[in-house]
């Protein structure tokens, strides 16, 4: 497949509500706006479809992926406007009764290109600030995903995956030129780590990083950091949506810069497995 050298991508920043219907209504005008600005793809944040900390209420809304109203609504919007949509992520039913935190990539005809289930779950205890156990409600995915598209490989990941660089090295080594990291970062971790980690993943792999984010005070009581980013393969921030939602920013990616960055600093090719010796 011949790879296009540019990708005009719209980054959507949201403050998602508790139900799929509310959030689909929020996303619908963003799709139209993105297409009107000439975007070929719209990328959304983690839990774009539903941010609901009430497990009982969420359990009544989460269904199998094939029946999910947000995913199906995005498929209809993609087909109507002729634009690709990366759904960020959506909770869908897992076999063990928990949920998968699932990204869905949809093409401009409304067809699903690929899906990715979040591998690394956010089980953390930041003293005096954040206690969160994502694994109580969510089951982990078991496979990394690179989607083959007209723009070459797109590597999929979600939020807490960001802290595991081996995943991104693997995605880039298997052909990803753009790394998607949709997120719903907490404010304390965002202020401390967001920008530096996003830039690090871009620099380490010589890839573009696209990280649409949740931002603001949500109906379920949580607050998220915002600052959706586009970062180039040299680590330069091309766009920062700062705080507030909903917002949209369109960025044109020159994908030839990936090969250039990797040729200048061929870290992926130079990497070695090093045995550890205790002494």
Protein backbone atom coordinates (compact mmCIF):
# COMPACT_ATOMS: atom_id res chain seq x y z
CA UNK A 1 0.00 0.00 0.00
CA UNK A 2 1.36 3.42 -0.98
CA UNK A 3 1.55 5.65 2.07
CA UNK A 4 0.30 9.20 2.01
CA UNK A 5 2.89 11.72 3.16
CA UNK A 6 0.52 13.98 5.09
CA UNK A 7 -2.34 13.46 7.51
CA UNK A 8 -4.67 16.30 8.39
CA UNK A 9 -6.00 15.29 11.79
CA UNK A 10 -8.52 16.92 14.12
CA UNK A 11 -7.95 16.50 17.86
CA UNK A 12 -11.12 16.61 19.92
CA UNK A 13 -10.99 17.54 23.61
CA UNK A 14 -14.06 16.60 25.66
CA UNK A 15 -15.57 16.75 29.12
CA UNK A 16 -17.53 13.54 28.80
CA UNK A 17 -20.80 12.96 30.63
CA UNK A 18 -22.24 9.77 32.10
CA UNK A 19 -24.07 8.26 29.10
CA UNK A 20 -23.29 7.31 25.53
CA UNK A 21 -26.22 9.36 24.23
CA UNK A 22 -25.03 12.59 25.90
CA UNK A 23 -21.52 12.15 24.57
CA UNK A 24 -22.58 11.22 21.05
CA UNK A 25 -24.55 14.48 21.00
CA UNK A 26 -21.38 16.32 22.05
CA UNK A 27 -19.24 14.61 19.40
CA UNK A 28 -21.67 15.08 16.49
CA UNK A 29 -20.91 18.78 15.87
CA UNK A 30 -17.19 18.12 16.31
CA UNK A 31 -17.28 15.66 13.40
CA UNK A 32 -18.97 18.24 11.19
CA UNK A 33 -16.52 20.93 12.29
CA UNK A 34 -13.52 18.67 11.68
CA UNK A 35 -14.71 17.82 8.17
CA UNK A 36 -15.42 21.49 7.49
CA UNK A 37 -11.81 22.31 8.36
CA UNK A 38 -10.53 19.72 5.91
CA UNK A 39 -9.57 17.05 8.43
CA UNK A 40 -9.19 13.49 7.16
CA UNK A 41 -9.49 12.00 10.65
CA UNK A 42 -10.94 12.96 14.03
CA UNK A 43 -9.30 11.61 17.20
CA UNK A 44 -11.23 11.56 20.48
CA UNK A 45 -10.14 11.06 24.13
CA UNK A 46 -10.26 8.04 26.41
CA UNK A 47 -13.79 7.21 27.68
CA UNK A 48 -15.22 9.59 25.08
CA UNK A 49 -18.45 7.61 25.15
CA UNK A 50 -19.08 7.44 28.88
CA UNK A 51 -17.37 8.71 32.03
CA UNK A 52 -19.36 7.18 34.85
CA UNK A 53 -17.81 6.24 38.20
CA UNK A 54 -21.07 4.69 39.43
CA UNK A 55 -20.42 1.01 38.67
CA UNK A 56 -24.08 -0.01 38.99
CA UNK A 57 -25.24 2.74 36.63
CA UNK A 58 -22.41 2.04 34.20
CA UNK A 59 -23.10 -1.69 34.27
CA UNK A 60 -26.63 -1.04 33.04
CA UNK A 61 -25.31 0.96 30.06
CA UNK A 62 -22.28 -1.05 28.92
CA UNK A 63 -23.04 -3.57 26.17
CA UNK A 64 -21.14 -5.70 23.68
CA UNK A 65 -19.11 -3.67 21.19
CA UNK A 66 -21.39 -4.62 18.28
CA UNK A 67 -24.35 -3.10 20.12
CA UNK A 68 -22.64 -0.04 21.59
CA UNK A 69 -24.59 3.11 20.63
CA UNK A 70 -21.54 5.37 20.72
CA UNK A 71 -19.43 3.17 18.43
CA UNK A 72 -22.36 2.70 16.05
CA UNK A 73 -23.11 6.41 16.17
CA UNK A 74 -19.50 7.21 15.27
CA UNK A 75 -19.69 4.75 12.38
CA UNK A 76 -22.74 6.57 11.04
CA UNK A 77 -21.05 9.96 11.45
CA UNK A 78 -17.90 8.73 9.71
CA UNK A 79 -19.90 7.46 6.74
CA UNK A 80 -22.06 10.59 6.57
CA UNK A 81 -19.10 12.98 6.52
CA UNK A 82 -16.51 10.78 4.81
CA UNK A 83 -14.01 11.13 7.67
CA UNK A 84 -12.04 8.59 9.70
CA UNK A 85 -12.79 8.54 13.44
CA UNK A 86 -10.62 7.23 16.24
CA UNK A 87 -13.15 6.84 19.06
CA UNK A 88 -10.60 7.38 21.84
CA UNK A 89 -12.08 4.65 23.98
CA UNK A 90 -15.40 3.14 24.97
CA UNK A 91 -16.21 0.67 27.76
CA UNK A 92 -17.62 -2.53 26.21
CA UNK A 93 -18.60 -5.81 27.80
CA UNK A 94 -15.82 -8.34 28.47
CA UNK A 95 -16.41 -12.11 28.83
CA UNK A 96 -15.69 -12.13 32.59
CA UNK A 97 -18.40 -9.57 33.37
CA UNK A 98 -16.03 -6.65 33.60
CA UNK A 99 -15.48 -4.14 30.77
CA UNK A 100 -12.79 -3.70 28.14
CA UNK A 101 -11.55 -0.14 27.67
CA UNK A 102 -11.64 -0.28 23.86
CA UNK A 103 -10.38 1.99 21.09
CA UNK A 104 -12.11 1.62 17.73
CA UNK A 105 -10.67 2.96 14.47
CA UNK A 106 -13.35 3.66 11.87
CA UNK A 107 -12.70 4.52 8.22
CA UNK A 108 -14.43 7.13 6.09
CA UNK A 109 -17.00 4.63 4.92
CA UNK A 110 -18.08 3.79 8.45
CA UNK A 111 -16.32 0.42 8.60
CA UNK A 112 -14.28 -0.70 11.61
CA UNK A 113 -10.61 -0.99 10.65
CA UNK A 114 -9.37 -2.35 13.97
CA UNK A 115 -9.95 -2.41 17.72
CA UNK A 116 -7.60 -2.23 20.69
CA UNK A 117 -8.25 -3.08 24.33
CA UNK A 118 -6.21 -1.16 26.92
CA UNK A 119 -3.43 -3.40 28.22
CA UNK A 120 -2.16 -1.51 31.26
CA UNK A 121 -4.85 -0.71 33.82
CA UNK A 122 -4.66 2.36 36.07
CA UNK A 123 -4.22 0.85 39.55
CA UNK A 124 -2.45 3.59 41.52
CA UNK A 125 -2.29 5.22 44.93
CA UNK A 126 -0.83 8.72 44.88
CA UNK A 127 -0.58 9.66 48.52
CA UNK A 128 -3.19 12.18 49.56
CA UNK A 129 -4.32 12.85 45.99
CA UNK A 130 -5.51 9.94 43.86
CA UNK A 131 -6.54 6.35 44.59
CA UNK A 132 -7.85 4.49 41.56
CA UNK A 133 -8.25 0.78 40.78
CA UNK A 134 -9.28 0.43 37.16
CA UNK A 135 -8.96 -3.37 37.32
CA UNK A 136 -12.05 -3.59 39.57
CA UNK A 137 -14.24 -2.67 36.62
CA UNK A 138 -12.02 -3.39 33.59
CA UNK A 139 -10.26 -6.44 32.20
CA UNK A 140 -6.89 -5.92 30.46
CA UNK A 141 -6.31 -6.39 26.77
CA UNK A 142 -3.68 -8.88 25.66
CA UNK A 143 -2.31 -7.62 22.34
CA UNK A 144 -0.68 -4.52 20.91
CA UNK A 145 -2.21 -3.22 17.67
CA UNK A 146 -0.81 -1.43 14.62
CA UNK A 147 -3.50 -0.46 12.11
CA UNK A 148 -2.54 -0.46 8.43
CA UNK A 149 -4.05 2.65 6.83
CA UNK A 150 -3.51 4.92 3.82
CA UNK A 151 -1.09 6.90 6.05
CA UNK A 152 0.92 3.85 7.03
CA UNK A 153 0.92 2.23 10.44
CA UNK A 154 -1.02 3.81 13.29
CA UNK A 155 -0.14 2.49 16.75
CA UNK A 156 -2.96 2.25 19.28
CA UNK A 157 -2.73 2.70 23.04
CA UNK A 158 -4.73 4.29 25.86
CA UNK A 159 -3.76 6.60 28.73
CA UNK A 160 -1.86 4.60 31.41
CA UNK A 161 -0.17 2.62 28.62
CA UNK A 162 1.88 5.82 28.25
CA UNK A 163 4.10 4.79 31.17
CA UNK A 164 5.31 1.58 29.50
CA UNK A 165 7.84 2.54 26.81
CA UNK A 166 8.40 -1.02 25.57
CA UNK A 167 4.87 -0.95 24.13
CA UNK A 168 5.68 2.10 21.99
CA UNK A 169 9.04 0.70 20.89
CA UNK A 170 7.16 -2.40 19.72
CA UNK A 171 4.51 -0.36 17.90
CA UNK A 172 7.12 1.76 16.12
CA UNK A 173 9.27 -1.27 15.30
CA UNK A 174 6.24 -2.85 13.64
CA UNK A 175 5.62 0.12 11.38
CA UNK A 176 3.66 2.70 13.36
CA UNK A 177 4.39 6.26 12.24
CA UNK A 178 1.72 7.83 14.46
CA UNK A 179 1.06 6.79 18.06
CA UNK A 180 -2.39 7.43 19.51
CA UNK A 181 -2.57 7.96 23.27
CA UNK A 182 -6.13 9.11 24.11
CA UNK A 183 -6.38 9.87 27.82
CA UNK A 184 -8.36 10.97 30.84
CA UNK A 185 -5.44 12.06 33.03
CA UNK A 186 -5.93 13.16 36.60
CA UNK A 187 -4.86 16.70 37.43
CA UNK A 188 -2.00 15.75 39.83
CA UNK A 189 -0.43 13.28 37.39
CA UNK A 190 -1.09 15.59 34.46
CA UNK A 191 0.68 18.52 36.06
CA UNK A 192 3.65 16.33 36.98
CA UNK A 193 4.08 14.00 34.01
CA UNK A 194 1.81 14.63 30.99
CA UNK A 195 3.95 16.76 28.72
CA UNK A 196 7.28 15.12 29.49
CA UNK A 197 5.98 11.57 28.94
CA UNK A 198 4.20 12.40 25.69
CA UNK A 199 7.31 14.10 24.34
CA UNK A 200 9.48 11.22 25.52
CA UNK A 201 7.39 8.62 23.68
CA UNK A 202 7.65 10.70 20.48
CA UNK A 203 11.41 11.22 20.84
CA UNK A 204 12.23 7.61 21.78
CA UNK A 205 10.43 6.17 18.77
CA UNK A 206 10.78 8.97 16.21
CA UNK A 207 6.98 9.05 15.85
CA UNK A 208 4.15 11.54 15.90
CA UNK A 209 2.10 11.34 19.10
CA UNK A 210 -1.57 12.30 19.10
CA UNK A 211 -3.08 12.47 22.59
CA UNK A 212 -6.68 13.72 22.75
CA UNK A 213 -7.68 14.30 26.37
CA UNK A 214 -10.57 14.76 28.72
CA UNK A 215 -10.69 18.17 30.41
CA UNK A 216 -12.71 19.70 33.22
CA UNK A 217 -15.14 18.77 35.98
CA UNK A 218 -17.24 15.76 35.03
CA UNK A 219 -20.78 14.87 36.05
CA UNK A 220 -19.52 11.87 38.00
CA UNK A 221 -17.33 14.07 40.23
CA UNK A 222 -13.94 13.51 38.62
CA UNK A 223 -11.69 16.26 37.25
CA UNK A 224 -9.35 15.74 34.31
CA UNK A 225 -6.26 17.60 33.16
CA UNK A 226 -6.88 18.41 29.49
CA UNK A 227 -3.94 19.62 27.38
CA UNK A 228 -4.60 17.43 24.36
CA UNK A 229 -1.34 17.31 22.41
CA UNK A 230 0.15 16.72 19.00
CA UNK A 231 3.90 16.08 19.21
CA UNK A 232 6.26 15.61 16.28
CA UNK A 233 9.02 12.96 16.01
CA UNK A 234 11.65 15.40 17.32
CA UNK A 235 9.59 16.07 20.45
CA UNK A 236 8.23 19.47 19.42
CA UNK A 237 4.70 20.22 20.61
CA UNK A 238 2.67 21.15 17.53
CA UNK A 239 -0.59 21.76 19.41
CA UNK A 240 -1.67 22.03 23.04
CA UNK A 241 -5.40 22.52 23.63
CA UNK A 242 -4.77 23.52 27.27
CA UNK A 243 -7.91 23.40 29.49
CA UNK A 244 -11.60 23.49 28.66
CA UNK A 245 -13.96 21.43 26.52
CA UNK A 246 -15.35 20.75 24.04
CA UNK A 247 -12.54 21.96 21.81
CA UNK A 248 -11.18 21.05 18.39
CA UNK A 249 -7.79 21.67 16.79
CA UNK A 250 -6.75 20.58 13.31
CA UNK A 251 -3.07 19.77 12.73
CA UNK A 252 -1.36 18.69 9.52
CA UNK A 253 1.28 16.01 10.05
CA UNK A 254 4.20 15.77 7.61
CA UNK A 255 4.73 12.02 7.89
CA UNK A 256 8.03 12.13 5.99
CA UNK A 257 9.53 13.55 9.19
CA UNK A 258 9.24 10.12 10.81
CA UNK A 259 11.78 8.54 8.46
CA UNK A 260 14.01 11.59 8.80
CA UNK A 261 14.01 11.47 12.60
CA UNK A 262 14.64 7.72 12.68
CA UNK A 263 17.49 8.01 10.17
CA UNK A 264 19.22 10.70 12.24
CA UNK A 265 18.84 8.89 15.55
CA UNK A 266 18.20 5.19 14.75
CA UNK A 267 17.40 4.20 18.32
CA UNK A 268 14.95 1.50 17.26
CA UNK A 269 17.65 -0.20 15.17
CA UNK A 270 20.39 0.34 17.73
CA UNK A 271 18.50 -1.13 20.68
CA UNK A 272 20.10 -4.19 22.28
CA UNK A 273 18.90 -6.76 24.78
CA UNK A 274 21.35 -6.43 27.67
CA UNK A 275 21.75 -9.20 30.26
CA UNK A 276 21.77 -8.10 33.88
CA UNK A 277 24.66 -9.15 36.09
CA UNK A 278 24.46 -8.83 39.87
CA UNK A 279 27.76 -8.17 41.52
